[in-house]
Amino acid sequence: MDKIVKALQEGHAQLRKASEETNTRLNQVFEEQHHLKRDRDCLDQDLNKLFNVYQNMKAQPQGHVLDNPYHQEDIEPNVSLENKARYPSQYQDGENMPYSEKEALK
């Protein structure tokens, strides 16, 4: 009889230990799932923002100032006077010159 009681107590202790380990692991899984869901939500928001930017860019008329991030001043930065002398047709009346060089010629 004592052997049966002792075996039942050992079995009960093993079940309790296994139950605690299972609960601990389940809590870890739920926590990981929560973090993954939060990360997925953040990625969804970022994707939606990118898609909205794409739609806005697609909706802009071609050649619009906002459509072209490279303005003329950026394309021809600080063109030297030497180049202006070599290629005068490109710089007639200073129309294609960057603003700083127009001021230098005055």
N, C-alpha and C. Protein backbone atom coordinates (compact mmCIF):
# COMPACT_ATOMS: atom_id res chain seq x y z
N MET A 1 0.82 -1.19 0.00
CA MET A 1 0.00 0.00 0.00
C MET A 1 0.86 1.26 0.00
N ASP A 2 1.93 1.23 0.80
CA ASP A 2 2.84 2.37 0.84
C ASP A 2 3.51 2.59 -0.53
N LYS A 3 3.82 1.48 -1.21
CA LYS A 3 4.44 1.59 -2.54
C LYS A 3 3.48 2.27 -3.51
N ILE A 4 2.21 1.96 -3.42
CA ILE A 4 1.21 2.55 -4.33
C ILE A 4 1.07 4.04 -4.05
N VAL A 5 1.00 4.40 -2.78
CA VAL A 5 0.89 5.82 -2.40
C VAL A 5 2.13 6.57 -2.84
N LYS A 6 3.30 5.99 -2.61
CA LYS A 6 4.57 6.62 -3.00
C LYS A 6 4.63 6.78 -4.53
N ALA A 7 4.22 5.79 -5.28
CA ALA A 7 4.22 5.86 -6.75
C ALA A 7 3.24 6.93 -7.23
N LEU A 8 2.07 7.02 -6.59
CA LEU A 8 1.10 8.06 -6.95
C LEU A 8 1.64 9.45 -6.65
N GLN A 9 2.32 9.60 -5.52
CA GLN A 9 2.90 10.89 -5.16
C GLN A 9 4.00 11.29 -6.15
N GLU A 10 4.84 10.34 -6.53
CA GLU A 10 5.90 10.61 -7.51
C GLU A 10 5.29 10.97 -8.87
N GLY A 11 4.28 10.22 -9.26
CA GLY A 11 3.60 10.51 -10.53
C GLY A 11 2.96 11.88 -10.52
N HIS A 12 2.35 12.23 -9.38
CA HIS A 12 1.72 13.54 -9.24
C HIS A 12 2.77 14.65 -9.31
N ALA A 13 3.90 14.45 -8.67
CA ALA A 13 4.99 15.44 -8.69
C ALA A 13 5.53 15.61 -10.12
N GLN A 14 5.68 14.50 -10.85
CA GLN A 14 6.16 14.58 -12.24
C GLN A 14 5.15 15.31 -13.12
N LEU A 15 3.87 15.03 -12.91
CA LEU A 15 2.83 15.72 -13.69
C LEU A 15 2.83 17.22 -13.38
N ARG A 16 2.98 17.58 -12.11
CA ARG A 16 3.02 19.00 -11.73
C ARG A 16 4.21 19.69 -12.38
N LYS A 17 5.38 19.03 -12.33
CA LYS A 17 6.59 19.60 -12.93
C LYS A 17 6.41 19.76 -14.45
N ALA A 18 5.86 18.74 -15.10
CA ALA A 18 5.62 18.82 -16.54
C ALA A 18 4.61 19.92 -16.86
N SER A 19 3.59 20.07 -16.02
CA SER A 19 2.59 21.11 -16.22
C SER A 19 3.21 22.50 -16.09
N GLU A 20 4.07 22.69 -15.10
CA GLU A 20 4.75 23.98 -14.92
C GLU A 20 5.65 24.29 -16.11
N GLU A 21 6.39 23.28 -16.59
CA GLU A 21 7.25 23.48 -17.76
C GLU A 21 6.43 23.82 -18.99
N THR A 22 5.29 23.14 -19.14
CA THR A 22 4.41 23.42 -20.28
C THR A 22 3.85 24.83 -20.20
N ASN A 23 3.42 25.24 -19.01
CA ASN A 23 2.89 26.59 -18.83
C ASN A 23 3.95 27.65 -19.10
N THR A 24 5.18 27.40 -18.64
CA THR A 24 6.28 28.33 -18.89
C THR A 24 6.53 28.46 -20.39
N ARG A 25 6.57 27.33 -21.07
CA ARG A 25 6.81 27.35 -22.52
C ARG A 25 5.66 28.02 -23.26
N LEU A 26 4.41 27.76 -22.83
CA LEU A 26 3.26 28.41 -23.46
C LEU A 26 3.32 29.93 -23.28
N ASN A 27 3.70 30.38 -22.09
CA ASN A 27 3.84 31.82 -21.86
C ASN A 27 4.90 32.42 -22.77
N GLN A 28 6.02 31.70 -22.96
CA GLN A 28 7.06 32.17 -23.87
C GLN A 28 6.54 32.25 -25.30
N VAL A 29 5.79 31.23 -25.72
CA VAL A 29 5.25 31.22 -27.08
C VAL A 29 4.27 32.37 -27.27
N PHE A 30 3.40 32.61 -26.29
CA PHE A 30 2.44 33.72 -26.40
C PHE A 30 3.16 35.06 -26.45
N GLU A 31 4.23 35.20 -25.66
CA GLU A 31 5.00 36.44 -25.68
C GLU A 31 5.68 36.62 -27.04
N GLU A 32 6.28 35.55 -27.57
CA GLU A 32 6.90 35.62 -28.90
C GLU A 32 5.86 35.96 -29.96
N GLN A 33 4.70 35.35 -29.84
CA GLN A 33 3.62 35.61 -30.80
C GLN A 33 3.20 37.07 -30.74
N HIS A 34 3.12 37.63 -29.54
CA HIS A 34 2.76 39.03 -29.37
C HIS A 34 3.80 39.94 -30.05
N HIS A 35 5.10 39.64 -29.83
CA HIS A 35 6.16 40.43 -30.46
C HIS A 35 6.11 40.30 -31.98
N LEU A 36 5.89 39.10 -32.47
CA LEU A 36 5.81 38.91 -33.92
C LEU A 36 4.63 39.65 -34.52
N LYS A 37 3.50 39.64 -33.82
CA LYS A 37 2.31 40.36 -34.31
C LYS A 37 2.60 41.86 -34.34
N ARG A 38 3.25 42.37 -33.29
CA ARG A 38 3.59 43.79 -33.26
C ARG A 38 4.55 44.14 -34.40
N ASP A 39 5.56 43.29 -34.62
CA ASP A 39 6.50 43.52 -35.72
C ASP A 39 5.79 43.47 -37.07
N ARG A 40 4.87 42.52 -37.24
CA ARG A 40 4.12 42.42 -38.49
C ARG A 40 3.27 43.67 -38.71
N ASP A 41 2.65 44.17 -37.64
CA ASP A 41 1.84 45.38 -37.75
C ASP A 41 2.70 46.57 -38.16
N CYS A 42 3.90 46.68 -37.59
CA CYS A 42 4.81 47.77 -37.96
C CYS A 42 5.23 47.64 -39.43
N LEU A 43 5.53 46.43 -39.86
CA LEU A 43 5.90 46.22 -41.26
C LEU A 43 4.73 46.54 -42.19
N ASP A 44 3.52 46.18 -41.79
CA ASP A 44 2.34 46.51 -42.59
C ASP A 44 2.18 48.02 -42.71
N GLN A 45 2.39 48.74 -41.62
CA GLN A 45 2.28 50.20 -41.66
C GLN A 45 3.34 50.79 -42.58
N ASP A 46 4.58 50.30 -42.48
CA ASP A 46 5.65 50.79 -43.35
C ASP A 46 5.34 50.49 -44.81
N LEU A 47 4.83 49.31 -45.08
CA LEU A 47 4.48 48.95 -46.45
C LEU A 47 3.37 49.85 -46.97
N ASN A 48 2.38 50.14 -46.15
CA ASN A 48 1.29 51.03 -46.56
C ASN A 48 1.82 52.43 -46.85
N LYS A 49 2.75 52.93 -46.01
CA LYS A 49 3.33 54.25 -46.26
C LYS A 49 4.07 54.26 -47.59
N LEU A 50 4.88 53.22 -47.83
CA LEU A 50 5.62 53.15 -49.10
C LEU A 50 4.67 53.08 -50.29
N PHE A 51 3.60 52.32 -50.15
CA PHE A 51 2.64 52.21 -51.24
C PHE A 51 1.97 53.56 -51.49
N ASN A 52 1.65 54.30 -50.43
CA ASN A 52 1.05 55.63 -50.60
C ASN A 52 2.01 56.59 -51.28
N VAL A 53 3.28 56.53 -50.91
CA VAL A 53 4.28 57.37 -51.58
C VAL A 53 4.36 57.01 -53.06
N TYR A 54 4.37 55.72 -53.35
CA TYR A 54 4.40 55.26 -54.74
C TYR A 54 3.18 55.76 -55.50
N GLN A 55 1.99 55.65 -54.90
CA GLN A 55 0.77 56.11 -55.57
C GLN A 55 0.82 57.62 -55.81
N ASN A 56 1.34 58.38 -54.83
CA ASN A 56 1.44 59.83 -55.00
C ASN A 56 2.43 60.19 -56.10
N MET A 57 3.54 59.46 -56.17
CA MET A 57 4.52 59.73 -57.22
C MET A 57 3.94 59.38 -58.59
N LYS A 58 3.19 58.29 -58.65
CA LYS A 58 2.59 57.86 -59.90
C LYS A 58 1.53 58.86 -60.37
N ALA A 59 0.85 59.50 -59.42
CA ALA A 59 -0.23 60.42 -59.75
C ALA A 59 0.29 61.79 -60.19
N GLN A 60 1.54 62.12 -59.89
CA GLN A 60 2.08 63.43 -60.27
C GLN A 60 2.31 63.48 -61.77
N PRO A 61 2.06 64.64 -62.37
CA PRO A 61 2.34 64.77 -63.80
C PRO A 61 3.84 64.65 -64.06
N GLN A 62 4.20 64.07 -65.17
CA GLN A 62 5.61 63.90 -65.51
C GLN A 62 6.27 65.26 -65.69
N GLY A 63 7.50 65.37 -65.22
CA GLY A 63 8.25 66.61 -65.36
C GLY A 63 7.91 67.65 -64.32
N HIS A 64 7.07 67.31 -63.39
CA HIS A 64 6.71 68.23 -62.31
C HIS A 64 7.94 68.49 -61.47
N VAL A 65 8.06 69.70 -60.91
CA VAL A 65 9.25 70.07 -60.13
C VAL A 65 9.46 69.09 -58.98
N LEU A 66 8.38 68.71 -58.31
CA LEU A 66 8.52 67.80 -57.18
C LEU A 66 8.89 66.39 -57.64
N ASP A 67 8.58 66.09 -58.90
CA ASP A 67 8.87 64.78 -59.45
C ASP A 67 10.37 64.61 -59.71
N ASN A 68 11.07 65.73 -59.95
CA ASN A 68 12.48 65.68 -60.28
C ASN A 68 13.30 66.24 -59.12
N PRO A 69 13.95 65.39 -58.35
CA PRO A 69 14.72 65.89 -57.21
C PRO A 69 16.00 66.60 -57.62
N TYR A 70 16.42 66.46 -58.89
CA TYR A 70 17.65 67.09 -59.36
C TYR A 70 17.30 68.35 -60.14
N HIS A 71 17.48 69.49 -59.51
CA HIS A 71 17.23 70.74 -60.20
C HIS A 71 18.46 71.11 -61.01
N GLN A 72 18.32 72.09 -61.87
CA GLN A 72 19.42 72.47 -62.76
C GLN A 72 20.68 72.83 -61.97
N GLU A 73 20.50 73.50 -60.81
CA GLU A 73 21.67 73.89 -60.02
C GLU A 73 22.42 72.65 -59.52
N ASP A 74 21.68 71.59 -59.27
CA ASP A 74 22.32 70.38 -58.77
C ASP A 74 23.01 69.60 -59.89
N ILE A 75 22.45 69.69 -61.10
CA ILE A 75 23.02 68.95 -62.22
C ILE A 75 24.34 69.57 -62.66
N GLU A 76 24.41 70.91 -62.66
CA GLU A 76 25.62 71.61 -63.08
C GLU A 76 26.17 72.43 -61.92
N PRO A 77 26.67 71.79 -60.89
CA PRO A 77 27.16 72.56 -59.74
C PRO A 77 28.49 73.23 -60.06
N ASN A 78 28.56 74.50 -59.76
CA ASN A 78 29.81 75.26 -59.84
C ASN A 78 30.56 75.05 -61.16
N VAL A 79 29.89 75.34 -62.25
CA VAL A 79 30.54 75.23 -63.56
C VAL A 79 31.61 76.31 -63.63
N SER A 80 32.81 75.92 -63.99
CA SER A 80 33.93 76.87 -63.97
C SER A 80 33.84 77.85 -65.14
N LEU A 81 34.47 79.00 -64.96
CA LEU A 81 34.51 80.00 -66.04
C LEU A 81 35.25 79.44 -67.25
N GLU A 82 36.21 78.56 -67.00
CA GLU A 82 36.95 77.92 -68.09
C GLU A 82 36.01 77.11 -68.98
N ASN A 83 35.11 76.35 -68.38
CA ASN A 83 34.14 75.58 -69.17
C ASN A 83 33.18 76.50 -69.91
N LYS A 84 32.84 77.63 -69.31
CA LYS A 84 31.96 78.58 -69.98
C LYS A 84 32.65 79.16 -71.22
N ALA A 85 33.96 79.37 -71.11
CA ALA A 85 34.70 79.89 -72.25
C ALA A 85 34.80 78.83 -73.34
N ARG A 86 34.95 77.57 -72.97
CA ARG A 86 35.05 76.48 -73.94
C ARG A 86 33.73 76.20 -74.63
N TYR A 87 32.65 76.28 -73.89
CA TYR A 87 31.33 75.94 -74.42
C TYR A 87 30.36 77.11 -74.22
N PRO A 88 30.58 78.20 -74.91
CA PRO A 88 29.77 79.40 -74.66
C PRO A 88 28.28 79.23 -75.00
N SER A 89 27.96 78.36 -75.96
CA SER A 89 26.56 78.22 -76.36
C SER A 89 25.70 77.66 -75.22
N GLN A 90 26.31 76.90 -74.34
CA GLN A 90 25.55 76.34 -73.22
C GLN A 90 25.23 77.39 -72.16
N TYR A 91 26.01 78.50 -72.15
CA TYR A 91 25.87 79.46 -71.07
C TYR A 91 25.55 80.86 -71.59
N GLN A 92 24.82 80.96 -72.67
CA GLN A 92 24.46 82.26 -73.22
C GLN A 92 23.59 83.01 -72.23
N ASP A 93 23.94 84.24 -72.00
CA ASP A 93 23.17 85.13 -71.11
C ASP A 93 23.00 84.54 -69.71
N GLY A 94 23.80 83.58 -69.36
CA GLY A 94 23.74 83.00 -68.02
C GLY A 94 22.48 82.23 -67.73
N GLU A 95 21.72 81.83 -68.76
CA GLU A 95 20.43 81.19 -68.47
C GLU A 95 20.57 79.81 -67.84
N ASN A 96 21.65 79.07 -68.15
CA ASN A 96 21.82 77.75 -67.55
C ASN A 96 22.81 77.74 -66.39
N MET A 97 23.32 78.91 -66.05
CA MET A 97 24.32 78.97 -64.98
C MET A 97 23.66 78.87 -63.62
N PRO A 98 24.35 78.26 -62.69
CA PRO A 98 23.86 78.31 -61.31
C PRO A 98 23.83 79.75 -60.81
N TYR A 99 22.96 80.05 -59.87
CA TYR A 99 22.75 81.40 -59.38
C TYR A 99 24.04 82.04 -58.88
N SER A 100 24.86 81.29 -58.16
CA SER A 100 26.09 81.85 -57.59
C SER A 100 27.04 82.34 -58.68
N GLU A 101 27.07 81.68 -59.82
CA GLU A 101 27.96 82.10 -60.90
C GLU A 101 27.38 83.29 -61.66
N LYS A 102 26.06 83.39 -61.74
CA LYS A 102 25.45 84.57 -62.35
C LYS A 102 25.85 85.81 -61.56
N GLU A 103 25.81 85.67 -60.24
CA GLU A 103 26.18 86.79 -59.37
C GLU A 103 27.66 87.13 -59.55
N ALA A 104 28.51 86.14 -59.75
CA ALA A 104 29.95 86.38 -59.90
C ALA A 104 30.24 87.15 -61.18
N LEU A 105 29.42 86.99 -62.21
CA LEU A 105 29.65 87.68 -63.48
C LEU A 105 29.21 89.14 -63.43
N LYS A 106 28.36 89.49 -62.49
CA LYS A 106 27.85 90.88 -62.41
C LYS A 106 28.90 91.83 -61.90
